[in-house]
Protein backbone atom coordinates (compact mmCIF):
# COMPACT_ATOMS: atom_id res chain seq x y z
CA MET A 1 -312.78 108.68 79.11
CA GLU A 2 -315.29 106.56 77.30
CA THR A 3 -317.32 103.83 79.15
CA HIS A 4 -318.73 101.61 77.50
CA THR A 5 -320.89 98.50 79.95
CA SER A 6 -323.07 95.70 78.66
CA CYS A 7 -324.78 93.41 80.64
CA ALA A 8 -323.31 93.14 83.79
CA VAL A 9 -324.32 89.91 85.65
CA GLU A 10 -326.31 88.45 83.45
CA GLY A 11 -330.19 87.49 85.23
CA SER A 12 -329.51 89.40 88.56
CA ASP A 13 -329.03 92.74 89.73
CA ALA A 14 -326.89 90.88 93.44
CA LEU A 15 -323.71 92.83 93.73
CA PRO A 16 -320.81 90.02 92.88
CA LEU A 17 -318.86 88.45 94.97
CA VAL A 18 -315.94 89.21 93.03
CA THR A 19 -314.84 91.73 89.64
CA VAL A 20 -312.25 90.05 87.68
CA LEU A 21 -310.43 92.93 85.92
CA ILE A 22 -308.46 91.92 82.41
CA LEU A 23 -305.76 95.25 81.80
CA SER A 24 -305.82 95.09 77.70
CA TYR A 25 -303.42 96.39 75.53
CA ASN A 26 -302.92 95.74 72.36
CA GLY A 27 -303.33 92.01 72.91
CA ARG A 28 -306.26 90.93 70.75
CA HIS A 29 -304.65 87.70 70.02
CA TYR A 30 -304.74 86.64 73.61
CA LEU A 31 -308.04 87.69 74.33
CA ASP A 32 -310.03 84.64 73.65
CA ALA A 33 -308.34 82.81 75.33
CA CYS A 34 -308.08 84.88 78.46
CA LEU A 35 -312.24 85.48 78.25
CA GLN A 36 -313.58 82.16 77.40
CA SER A 37 -310.73 80.60 80.37
CA VAL A 38 -312.52 83.15 82.94
CA LEU A 39 -316.50 82.71 81.68
CA ASP A 40 -315.46 79.16 82.17
CA GLN A 41 -314.41 79.00 85.86
CA ASP A 42 -316.49 76.52 88.08
CA SER A 43 -317.56 79.37 90.34
CA PRO A 44 -321.29 80.02 90.03
CA ARG A 45 -321.19 82.46 86.99
CA LYS A 46 -323.96 85.16 89.47
CA GLU A 47 -320.68 85.51 91.87
CA TYR A 48 -318.42 87.33 89.80
CA GLU A 49 -318.07 89.71 86.82
CA ILE A 50 -315.37 90.60 83.91
CA LEU A 51 -314.14 94.00 83.68
CA VAL A 52 -312.02 94.56 81.08
CA VAL A 53 -310.09 97.41 81.12
CA ASP A 54 -308.93 98.90 77.71
CA ASN A 55 -305.60 100.73 78.03
CA GLY A 56 -305.62 102.97 74.58
CA SER A 57 -305.35 99.88 72.25
CA THR A 58 -305.07 100.25 68.62
CA ASP A 59 -305.13 96.80 67.23
CA GLY A 60 -309.00 97.22 68.15
CA SER A 61 -309.32 95.31 71.10
CA ALA A 62 -311.82 96.78 72.90
CA ASP A 63 -314.39 97.05 69.84
CA TYR A 64 -313.78 93.30 69.43
CA VAL A 65 -314.38 92.77 73.02
CA ALA A 66 -317.77 95.03 72.70
CA ALA A 67 -319.51 92.88 69.61
CA HIS A 68 -318.52 89.46 70.78
CA TYR A 69 -318.55 89.26 74.43
CA PRO A 70 -321.86 90.82 75.89
CA GLN A 71 -321.79 89.34 78.68
CA VAL A 72 -318.41 90.94 79.65
CA ARG A 73 -318.23 94.97 81.17
CA LEU A 74 -315.67 96.91 78.87
CA LEU A 75 -314.37 100.13 79.98
CA ARG A 76 -312.08 101.97 77.42
CA HIS A 77 -309.18 104.23 78.37
CA GLY A 78 -308.40 107.22 75.74
CA GLN A 79 -304.52 106.39 76.04
CA ASN A 80 -301.59 103.86 77.74
CA LEU A 81 -302.27 104.88 81.13
CA GLY A 82 -300.04 102.25 82.33
CA VAL A 83 -300.97 99.01 84.88
CA ASP A 84 -301.04 101.31 87.56
CA ALA A 85 -303.17 104.06 86.74
CA GLY A 86 -304.91 101.65 84.39
CA LEU A 87 -306.34 99.64 87.27
CA ASN A 88 -306.82 102.68 89.92
CA GLN A 89 -308.93 104.58 87.37
CA ALA A 90 -311.40 101.18 87.18
CA LEU A 91 -311.67 100.65 90.77
CA SER A 92 -315.01 103.25 90.67
CA HIS A 93 -316.37 100.59 87.90
CA THR A 94 -315.98 97.39 89.72
CA ARG A 95 -318.64 96.06 92.18
CA GLY A 96 -317.47 92.99 93.98
CA ARG A 97 -315.73 92.99 97.73
CA TYR A 98 -313.09 91.01 95.76
CA LEU A 99 -310.50 92.60 92.74
CA ALA A 100 -309.28 89.72 90.92
CA TYR A 101 -306.34 90.41 88.17
CA LEU A 102 -305.78 88.35 85.07
CA SER A 103 -303.11 89.58 82.65
CA GLN A 104 -303.95 89.37 79.00
CA ASP A 105 -301.89 87.12 78.43
CA VAL A 106 -302.86 84.57 81.39
CA VAL A 107 -305.38 81.14 80.41
CA ALA A 108 -307.06 80.20 83.97
CA HIS A 109 -307.49 77.00 85.61
CA ARG A 110 -311.45 75.98 86.35
CA HIS A 111 -310.57 76.41 89.49
CA TRP A 112 -308.63 79.03 89.35
CA LEU A 113 -311.30 81.77 90.68
CA SER A 114 -312.79 79.60 93.51
CA ALA A 115 -309.43 78.65 95.29
CA LEU A 116 -308.24 82.63 95.01
CA VAL A 117 -311.69 83.32 96.77
CA GLU A 118 -311.08 79.74 99.45
CA ALA A 119 -308.13 80.59 100.33
CA MET A 120 -308.68 84.75 101.05
CA GLN A 121 -311.80 84.00 103.12
CA GLY A 122 -309.98 80.86 105.47
CA ASP A 123 -307.76 83.22 106.26
CA PRO A 124 -308.40 86.74 108.26
CA LEU A 125 -305.42 88.72 107.88
CA ALA A 126 -305.02 87.37 104.19
CA ARG A 127 -305.61 90.97 101.85
CA LEU A 128 -303.56 89.39 98.46
CA VAL A 129 -303.94 86.34 97.14
CA THR A 130 -301.54 85.11 94.21
CA SER A 131 -301.35 81.81 92.11
CA ASN A 132 -299.57 79.49 91.14
CA ILE A 133 -298.55 80.22 87.30
CA TYR A 134 -296.99 78.54 84.58
CA PHE A 135 -294.92 79.81 82.22
CA ALA A 136 -294.42 78.60 78.67
CA TRP A 137 -290.59 77.86 79.11
CA TRP A 138 -291.66 75.16 82.11
CA PRO A 139 -292.33 71.41 81.29
CA GLU A 140 -296.39 71.56 83.03
CA PHE A 141 -297.22 74.30 80.98
CA ASN A 142 -300.39 73.11 79.16
CA PRO A 143 -303.30 75.85 79.61
CA GLN A 144 -305.34 73.33 77.27
CA THR A 145 -305.41 70.99 80.52
CA ARG A 146 -307.58 73.49 82.76
CA ALA A 147 -309.01 70.46 84.65
CA GLY A 148 -307.04 67.56 87.07
CA TRP A 149 -303.92 68.87 88.65
CA PRO A 150 -300.19 69.42 87.95
CA GLU A 151 -297.71 67.91 89.98
CA ARG A 152 -295.44 70.77 90.49
CA ALA A 153 -295.88 74.19 92.40
CA TYR A 154 -293.83 76.96 91.25
CA VAL A 155 -294.11 79.45 94.61
CA CYS A 156 -292.41 82.90 93.71
CA ASP A 157 -291.45 84.70 96.57
CA LEU A 158 -288.37 87.48 97.11
CA THR A 159 -285.05 85.88 97.31
CA GLY A 160 -282.40 87.10 100.00
CA TYR A 161 -281.70 90.14 97.28
CA GLY A 162 -285.21 91.38 96.71
CA VAL A 163 -285.85 89.84 93.71
CA LEU A 164 -288.52 87.32 92.83
CA ASP A 165 -287.58 83.81 91.92
CA TYR A 166 -289.54 80.72 91.56
CA THR A 167 -289.12 77.35 93.68
CA SER A 168 -290.86 74.02 92.41
CA LYS A 169 -292.53 72.06 95.10
CA PRO A 170 -294.45 68.71 94.76
CA LEU A 171 -298.14 69.38 94.65
CA THR A 172 -300.90 67.85 96.33
CA ALA A 173 -304.25 67.75 97.40
CA ASP A 174 -303.60 68.95 100.78
CA SER A 175 -301.13 71.51 99.84
CA ILE A 176 -302.44 74.49 101.44
CA PRO A 177 -301.57 78.48 100.82
CA ILE A 178 -298.14 79.70 102.49
CA ARG A 179 -297.27 83.11 103.58
CA VAL A 180 -294.85 84.80 101.17
CA LEU A 181 -293.20 88.72 101.08
CA ALA A 182 -293.96 89.08 97.55
CA ALA A 183 -295.09 87.44 94.41
CA ASP A 184 -295.79 87.26 90.62
CA THR A 185 -299.85 88.64 90.11
CA ALA A 186 -300.60 88.37 86.76
CA ALA A 187 -303.13 85.91 87.97
CA SER A 188 -304.01 87.07 91.61
CA MET A 189 -306.72 88.83 93.66
CA ILE A 190 -306.95 91.55 96.07
CA ASP A 191 -309.62 92.55 99.30
CA ARG A 192 -310.73 95.89 98.25
CA ARG A 193 -310.44 96.79 101.65
CA LEU A 194 -306.65 97.50 100.96
CA ALA A 195 -307.86 100.91 99.44
CA ASP A 196 -309.12 102.01 103.33
CA GLU A 197 -306.04 100.39 105.02
CA LEU A 198 -303.42 101.29 102.60
CA GLY A 199 -305.10 104.86 101.23
CA TYR A 200 -304.24 103.37 97.85
CA ILE A 201 -303.77 99.86 96.27
CA LEU A 202 -300.89 100.60 93.26
CA ASP A 203 -298.40 103.67 93.40
CA GLU A 204 -299.01 105.56 89.88
CA GLU A 205 -295.40 106.97 90.60
CA PHE A 206 -293.69 103.46 89.44
CA PHE A 207 -295.83 103.37 85.74
CA MET A 208 -294.81 99.76 85.59
CA TYR A 209 -292.15 97.36 87.23
CA GLY A 210 -291.49 97.00 91.02
CA ASP A 211 -295.41 97.82 91.50
CA VAL A 212 -296.28 94.53 92.70
CA ILE A 213 -292.80 94.99 95.25
CA ASP A 214 -294.24 97.86 96.72
CA LEU A 215 -297.67 96.68 97.26
CA CYS A 216 -296.97 92.99 98.74
CA LEU A 217 -293.97 95.11 101.07
CA ARG A 218 -297.21 97.39 102.44
CA ILE A 219 -299.39 94.53 102.76
CA ASN A 220 -296.43 92.71 104.69
CA SER A 221 -295.60 95.86 106.55
CA MET A 222 -298.81 96.47 108.51
CA GLY A 223 -298.97 92.40 109.37
CA ARG A 224 -301.42 91.23 106.80
CA LYS A 225 -300.49 88.33 104.89
CA VAL A 226 -299.64 88.16 101.12
CA LEU A 227 -300.88 84.12 100.29
CA PHE A 228 -299.81 81.81 97.61
CA VAL A 229 -302.37 79.32 96.34
CA PRO A 230 -300.94 76.41 95.10
CA HIS A 231 -304.75 75.11 93.35
CA SER A 232 -305.31 78.13 92.03
CA VAL A 233 -303.58 77.55 88.49
CA ALA A 234 -302.86 79.55 85.64
CA TYR A 235 -300.89 79.62 82.55
CA ASN A 236 -298.85 82.38 81.25
CA SER A 237 -298.87 82.30 77.75
CA SER A 238 -297.37 84.82 76.54
CA ASP A 239 -294.58 84.48 73.70
CA TRP A 240 -292.13 87.17 75.24
CA GLN A 241 -288.28 85.70 75.83
CA LEU A 242 -285.77 87.61 77.86
CA LYS A 243 -282.95 89.37 75.31
CA LEU A 244 -280.08 90.68 75.98
CA ASN A 245 -280.43 93.53 74.38
CA ARG A 246 -280.43 97.54 75.07
CA ARG A 247 -284.50 97.91 75.94
CA THR A 248 -283.86 94.69 78.31
CA LEU A 249 -281.39 96.66 79.99
CA LEU A 250 -283.67 99.88 80.35
CA LYS A 251 -286.25 98.24 81.69
CA ALA A 252 -283.51 96.74 84.07
CA LEU A 253 -283.00 100.46 85.05
CA ARG A 254 -286.44 101.02 86.01
CA SER A 255 -287.13 97.76 87.82
CA SER A 256 -284.15 98.57 89.91
CA ARG A 257 -285.11 101.94 90.49
CA ASN A 258 -288.50 100.84 91.64
CA ASN A 259 -287.65 97.78 93.46
CA LEU A 260 -285.64 99.92 95.34
CA LEU A 261 -288.37 102.65 96.25
CA ALA A 262 -290.18 100.06 97.06
CA PHE A 263 -287.89 98.76 100.04
CA TYR A 264 -287.23 102.34 100.79
CA LYS A 265 -290.94 103.47 101.59
CA VAL A 266 -291.70 100.72 104.05
CA SER A 267 -288.12 101.14 105.69
CA HIS A 268 -286.79 103.08 107.92
CA THR A 269 -282.88 104.75 107.09
CA GLY A 270 -281.01 102.69 108.58
CA GLU A 271 -283.04 99.68 107.97
CA PHE A 272 -282.84 100.74 104.31
CA VAL A 273 -278.78 101.43 104.32
CA ALA A 274 -278.52 98.07 106.05
CA MET A 275 -280.50 96.11 103.30
CA LEU A 276 -278.94 97.96 100.08
CA PRO A 277 -275.83 95.89 99.09
CA ARG A 278 -278.56 92.87 98.82
CA LEU A 279 -279.98 94.89 96.80
CA LEU A 280 -277.79 95.93 94.67
CA GLN A 281 -276.20 92.46 94.47
CA GLY A 282 -280.05 91.09 93.23
CA HIS A 283 -278.90 92.19 89.79
CA LEU A 284 -276.76 89.35 89.16
CA HIS A 285 -279.78 87.03 89.99
CA ARG A 286 -282.90 88.63 88.21
CA GLY A 287 -282.78 86.72 85.03
CA ARG A 288 -283.22 82.95 86.45
CA GLN A 289 -287.10 84.50 87.21
CA HIS A 290 -287.30 84.61 83.46
CA GLY A 291 -285.88 81.05 82.78
CA LEU A 292 -282.17 81.96 81.89
CA SER A 293 -280.07 79.41 82.02
CA PRO A 294 -277.03 79.71 84.82
CA THR A 295 -274.52 81.20 81.90
CA ARG A 296 -276.80 83.97 80.52
CA ASN A 297 -278.28 84.77 83.82
CA LEU A 298 -274.55 85.32 84.65
CA ILE A 299 -273.96 87.69 81.51
CA TYR A 300 -277.13 89.65 81.77
CA GLY A 301 -276.26 90.39 85.59
CA LEU A 302 -272.99 91.59 84.60
CA ALA A 303 -274.43 93.70 81.46
CA ALA A 304 -277.08 94.84 84.16
CA LEU A 305 -274.69 96.29 87.15
CA PRO A 306 -274.00 99.45 85.71
CA MET A 307 -277.95 99.66 85.75
CA ALA A 308 -278.34 98.90 89.16
CA LEU A 309 -275.65 101.69 90.26
CA LEU A 310 -277.88 104.22 88.00
CA GLY A 311 -280.95 103.06 89.31
CA LEU A 312 -279.82 104.03 92.94
CA ILE A 313 -278.69 107.27 91.69
CA LEU A 314 -282.47 107.45 89.81
CA ALA A 315 -283.95 106.18 92.87
CA MET A 316 -281.91 108.50 95.66
CA GLY A 317 -283.46 111.46 93.23
CA ARG A 318 -287.32 110.31 93.19
CA MET A 319 -287.22 109.99 97.18
CA PRO A 320 -287.93 113.36 98.54
CA ARG A 321 -291.11 113.12 95.80
CA ILE A 322 -292.16 110.30 97.48
CA GLN A 323 -291.84 111.33 101.01
CA PRO A 324 -295.31 111.81 102.39
CA LYS A 325 -296.50 108.20 101.17
CA ARG A 326 -293.17 106.65 103.02
CA ARG A 327 -294.75 108.69 106.17
CA LEU A 328 -298.06 106.85 105.08
CA ALA A 329 -296.45 103.05 104.92
CA LEU A 330 -294.39 103.96 107.69
CA GLN A 331 -297.42 105.30 110.02
CA GLN A 332 -299.56 102.20 108.95
CA ARG A 333 -296.25 99.52 109.70
CA THR A 334 -296.95 97.14 112.69
CA MET A 335 -293.90 95.06 111.31
CA PRO A 336 -291.08 95.35 114.50
CA HIS A 337 -287.92 97.09 113.85
CA GLY A 338 -285.16 94.97 111.35
CA TRP A 339 -288.08 92.74 110.41
CA LEU A 340 -287.39 93.25 106.67
CA VAL A 341 -283.38 93.03 106.81
CA SER A 342 -283.85 89.64 108.89
CA ARG A 343 -285.91 88.49 106.24
CA LEU A 344 -283.25 89.50 103.47
CA ARG A 345 -280.88 88.03 105.60
CA HIS A 346 -282.93 84.85 106.10
CA PRO A 347 -285.35 84.11 103.30
CA GLY A 348 -288.47 81.98 103.24
CA TRP A 349 -290.68 82.35 106.64
CA GLN A 350 -292.89 79.07 106.56
CA PRO A 351 -292.37 78.00 109.77
CA ASP A 352 -295.42 74.79 109.31
CA PRO A 353 -293.46 71.55 107.56
CA ARG A 354 -296.88 70.25 106.65
CA VAL A 355 -297.15 73.21 104.28
CA TRP A 356 -295.74 70.44 101.35
CA LEU A 357 -296.63 66.80 102.25
CA ALA A 358 -295.51 65.25 99.97
CA GLY A 359 -291.40 64.61 98.82
CA PRO A 360 -288.19 64.56 100.87
CA PRO A 361 -286.64 68.14 100.93
CA ALA A 362 -284.25 66.97 97.95
CA ALA A 363 -287.38 67.08 95.91
CA GLU A 364 -287.08 70.79 95.76
CA GLU A 365 -285.46 72.16 92.82
CA ARG A 366 -285.42 75.38 90.53
CA PRO A 367 -288.07 74.96 87.76
CA GLN A 368 -285.19 75.71 84.95
CA ASP A 369 -283.57 72.68 86.61
CA ARG A 370 -286.46 70.65 85.46
CA ALA A 371 -286.75 72.35 81.47
CA SER A 372 -286.69 69.08 79.55
CA SER A 373 -284.24 70.70 77.15
CA PRO A 374 -281.24 73.37 76.50
CA GLU A 375 -283.29 74.78 74.79
CA GLN A 376 -286.14 75.27 77.08
CA ARG A 377 -283.39 76.02 79.68
CA THR A 378 -282.29 79.03 77.69
CA LYS A 379 -285.68 81.26 76.71
């Protein structure tokens, strides 16, 4: 592994409060917008450092960062280690108390980082805080607007079927962080104490897909919190679309296997069996998180159902291999018996009505229902 580090934090030898990690893989065309947005935060520059972790890119990404961003630290992996191993191996090169992660295709609002820090420091049980992320197919997507506030928040959490989905809610100056079971972490931050509390952070057995749900479930199961932070805004500029093809279904297969393993790791056998029917039904709803229309989501779900059953078979084959990590998770668990079963049956555990102060219940809606054109709804 080759490591290149240049100009850590300008003008100071003090340890930064936050290390911002950006995992790069053949994303040179994204890096300028991403890095410039992180360098232009309203947080004092001395409080955070930026570490680009290049996962064996072949498009010159690492050399480009080294040549054009001397104020950014750079870690080169000689090969694509996957998201989990790539980030885990970067941890020893970080210096911040908090570790913020930004996907290479994300542009951060100027208040992105300071809002995450404020939320983390405002709750002693918070261990992972995640941003209000806007995708390209949503009406409010505007990465050029990095000041001021959008009028909506897109709350990401697990549904009753164990898959991530988004709910659009009014965003006001008084909107506060809310507890969620799991969330999109393309723009997020963790407390590095997690490494000691959990024993490890990301499970490299997952490689990708389901790893975030695994981490969030382990955090919640030990009585710590995952918080969605409405005022930490980020824009996911990826131009990818979910296409109904063989490659997508293979991704669904891996995602199905890993999601099942994530729930298995934090559950006793009886609990897992009780949740299993709902988790398998989740494939009928998975496409909604990608902005698919109801019709296309149904087609995707029906095509993915065989993958769900095959994913269950693959998960069962992998279960003996993850038993040590499962025993560790159950030893660390402080939540009562049946807590996760109850959460799936009754999704949403934010009891405080003051969380959202604007708009009646009718103002809540699915984000794809707000798309401004049929074309947006079918992306």
